[in-house]
Amino acid sequence: MVWGSQIFPGLSPAQEIATVTIERLTFGFIQANVALIILATWETLIGLGLISSAFLRVTLFLLFAQMLGTRTPLLLFPAEIFT
């Protein structure tokens, strides 16, 4: 989970690849520090939605989109992923 990197910057090994991926997907429009906040909020909303079963359709859509985003670095940065 990347949200832990909000509390402890640099601790998550996924932090750098997540921020670089978001920057690449948005053509640099979203900066790394903002990307971490957005990703942390996104993952928290998914967790709260799954726990409470509130807005389950929206929650599952967010989860599906997040899972696609999780696999995006495999296509964009295969050399960094498989080192």
C-alpha atoms as a PDB file:
ATOM      1  CA  MET A   1       0.000   0.000   0.000  1.00  0.00           C
ATOM      2  CA  VAL A   2       1.294   3.364  -0.987  1.00  0.00           C
ATOM      3  CA  TRP A   3      -0.699   5.317   1.608  1.00  0.00           C
ATOM      4  CA  GLY A   4       1.877   4.453   4.273  1.00  0.00           C
ATOM      5  CA  SER A   5       4.403   6.523   2.357  1.00  0.00           C
ATOM      6  CA  GLN A   6       2.325   9.596   3.207  1.00  0.00           C
ATOM      7  CA  ILE A   7       3.160   9.061   6.862  1.00  0.00           C
ATOM      8  CA  PHE A   8       6.712   7.777   6.310  1.00  0.00           C
ATOM      9  CA  PRO A   9       8.095   9.295   3.077  1.00  0.00           C
ATOM     10  CA  GLY A  10      10.569   7.101   1.229  1.00  0.00           C
ATOM     11  CA  LEU A  11       9.667   3.967   3.161  1.00  0.00           C
ATOM     12  CA  SER A  12       7.590   2.260   0.498  1.00  0.00           C
ATOM     13  CA  PRO A  13       9.489   0.709  -2.411  1.00  0.00           C
ATOM     14  CA  ALA A  14       6.381   1.253  -4.548  1.00  0.00           C
ATOM     15  CA  GLN A  15       6.306   4.999  -3.899  1.00  0.00           C
ATOM     16  CA  GLU A  16       8.744   6.000  -6.647  1.00  0.00           C
ATOM     17  CA  ILE A  17       7.281   3.773  -9.350  1.00  0.00           C
ATOM     18  CA  ALA A  18       3.738   4.853  -8.441  1.00  0.00           C
ATOM     19  CA  THR A  19       4.535   8.549  -8.661  1.00  0.00           C
ATOM     20  CA  VAL A  20       6.545   8.184 -11.880  1.00  0.00           C
ATOM     21  CA  THR A  21       3.717   6.174 -13.443  1.00  0.00           C
ATOM     22  CA  ILE A  22       1.098   8.780 -12.543  1.00  0.00           C
ATOM     23  CA  GLU A  23       3.329  11.554 -13.851  1.00  0.00           C
ATOM     24  CA  ARG A  24       3.813   9.683 -17.123  1.00  0.00           C
ATOM     25  CA  LEU A  25       0.104   8.885 -17.523  1.00  0.00           C
ATOM     26  CA  THR A  26      -0.876  12.514 -16.942  1.00  0.00           C
ATOM     27  CA  PHE A  27       1.956  13.860 -19.138  1.00  0.00           C
ATOM     28  CA  GLY A  28       3.478  15.642 -16.134  1.00  0.00           C
ATOM     29  CA  PHE A  29       0.256  17.431 -15.214  1.00  0.00           C
ATOM     30  CA  ILE A  30       0.137  15.833 -11.753  1.00  0.00           C
ATOM     31  CA  GLN A  31       3.346  16.169  -9.719  1.00  0.00           C
ATOM     32  CA  ALA A  32       4.756  13.416  -7.496  1.00  0.00           C
ATOM     33  CA  ASN A  33       3.674  14.892  -4.145  1.00  0.00           C
ATOM     34  CA  VAL A  34       0.130  15.472  -5.400  1.00  0.00           C
ATOM     35  CA  ALA A  35       0.041  11.999  -6.974  1.00  0.00           C
ATOM     36  CA  LEU A  36       0.789  10.397  -3.597  1.00  0.00           C
ATOM     37  CA  ILE A  37      -2.040  12.282  -1.921  1.00  0.00           C
ATOM     38  CA  ILE A  38      -4.475  11.333  -4.688  1.00  0.00           C
ATOM     39  CA  LEU A  39      -3.401   7.686  -4.594  1.00  0.00           C
ATOM     40  CA  ALA A  40      -3.593   7.526  -0.801  1.00  0.00           C
ATOM     41  CA  THR A  41      -7.089   9.037  -0.851  1.00  0.00           C
ATOM     42  CA  TRP A  42      -8.163   6.680  -3.651  1.00  0.00           C
ATOM     43  CA  GLU A  43      -6.957   3.584  -1.759  1.00  0.00           C
ATOM     44  CA  THR A  44      -8.538   4.785   1.484  1.00  0.00           C
ATOM     45  CA  LEU A  45     -11.894   5.304  -0.239  1.00  0.00           C
ATOM     46  CA  ILE A  46     -11.700   1.783  -1.660  1.00  0.00           C
ATOM     47  CA  GLY A  47     -10.960   0.353   1.768  1.00  0.00           C
ATOM     48  CA  LEU A  48     -13.747   2.273   3.486  1.00  0.00           C
ATOM     49  CA  GLY A  49     -16.190   1.352   0.721  1.00  0.00           C
ATOM     50  CA  LEU A  50     -15.372  -2.360   0.977  1.00  0.00           C
ATOM     51  CA  ILE A  51     -15.580  -2.363   4.771  1.00  0.00           C
ATOM     52  CA  SER A  52     -18.865  -0.471   4.946  1.00  0.00           C
ATOM     53  CA  SER A  53     -20.448  -1.827   1.729  1.00  0.00           C
ATOM     54  CA  ALA A  54     -21.608   1.725   1.032  1.00  0.00           C
ATOM     55  CA  PHE A  55     -21.685   2.741  -2.622  1.00  0.00           C
ATOM     56  CA  LEU A  56     -20.510  -0.734  -3.575  1.00  0.00           C
ATOM     57  CA  ARG A  57     -20.757  -0.164  -7.341  1.00  0.00           C
ATOM     58  CA  VAL A  58     -18.634   2.974  -7.144  1.00  0.00           C
ATOM     59  CA  THR A  59     -16.200   1.238  -4.802  1.00  0.00           C
ATOM     60  CA  LEU A  60     -15.790  -1.719  -7.154  1.00  0.00           C
ATOM     61  CA  PHE A  61     -15.270   0.635 -10.093  1.00  0.00           C
ATOM     62  CA  LEU A  62     -12.543   2.462  -8.147  1.00  0.00           C
ATOM     63  CA  LEU A  63     -10.987  -0.898  -7.245  1.00  0.00           C
ATOM     64  CA  PHE A  64     -11.039  -2.076 -10.862  1.00  0.00           C
ATOM     65  CA  ALA A  65      -9.469   1.180 -12.069  1.00  0.00           C
ATOM     66  CA  GLN A  66      -6.819   0.969  -9.337  1.00  0.00           C
ATOM     67  CA  MET A  67      -5.974  -2.608 -10.335  1.00  0.00           C
ATOM     68  CA  LEU A  68      -5.482  -1.480 -13.938  1.00  0.00           C
ATOM     69  CA  GLY A  69      -3.257   1.322 -12.714  1.00  0.00           C
ATOM     70  CA  THR A  70      -1.275  -1.104 -10.596  1.00  0.00           C
ATOM     71  CA  ARG A  71      -0.373  -3.102 -13.688  1.00  0.00           C
ATOM     72  CA  THR A  72       0.489  -0.072 -15.830  1.00  0.00           C
ATOM     73  CA  PRO A  73       4.168   0.072 -14.734  1.00  0.00           C
ATOM     74  CA  LEU A  74       4.635  -3.396 -16.209  1.00  0.00           C
ATOM     75  CA  LEU A  75       4.001  -1.863 -19.631  1.00  0.00           C
ATOM     76  CA  LEU A  76       5.662   1.514 -19.105  1.00  0.00           C
ATOM     77  CA  PHE A  77       8.761   0.527 -17.106  1.00  0.00           C
ATOM     78  CA  PRO A  78       9.531  -3.171 -17.624  1.00  0.00           C
ATOM     79  CA  ALA A  79      13.276  -2.668 -17.116  1.00  0.00           C
ATOM     80  CA  GLU A  80      12.764  -1.095 -13.679  1.00  0.00           C
ATOM     81  CA  ILE A  81      10.192  -3.668 -12.598  1.00  0.00           C
ATOM     82  CA  PHE A  82      12.196  -6.765 -13.496  1.00  0.00           C
ATOM     83  CA  THR A  83      15.613  -5.808 -12.086  1.00  0.00           C
END
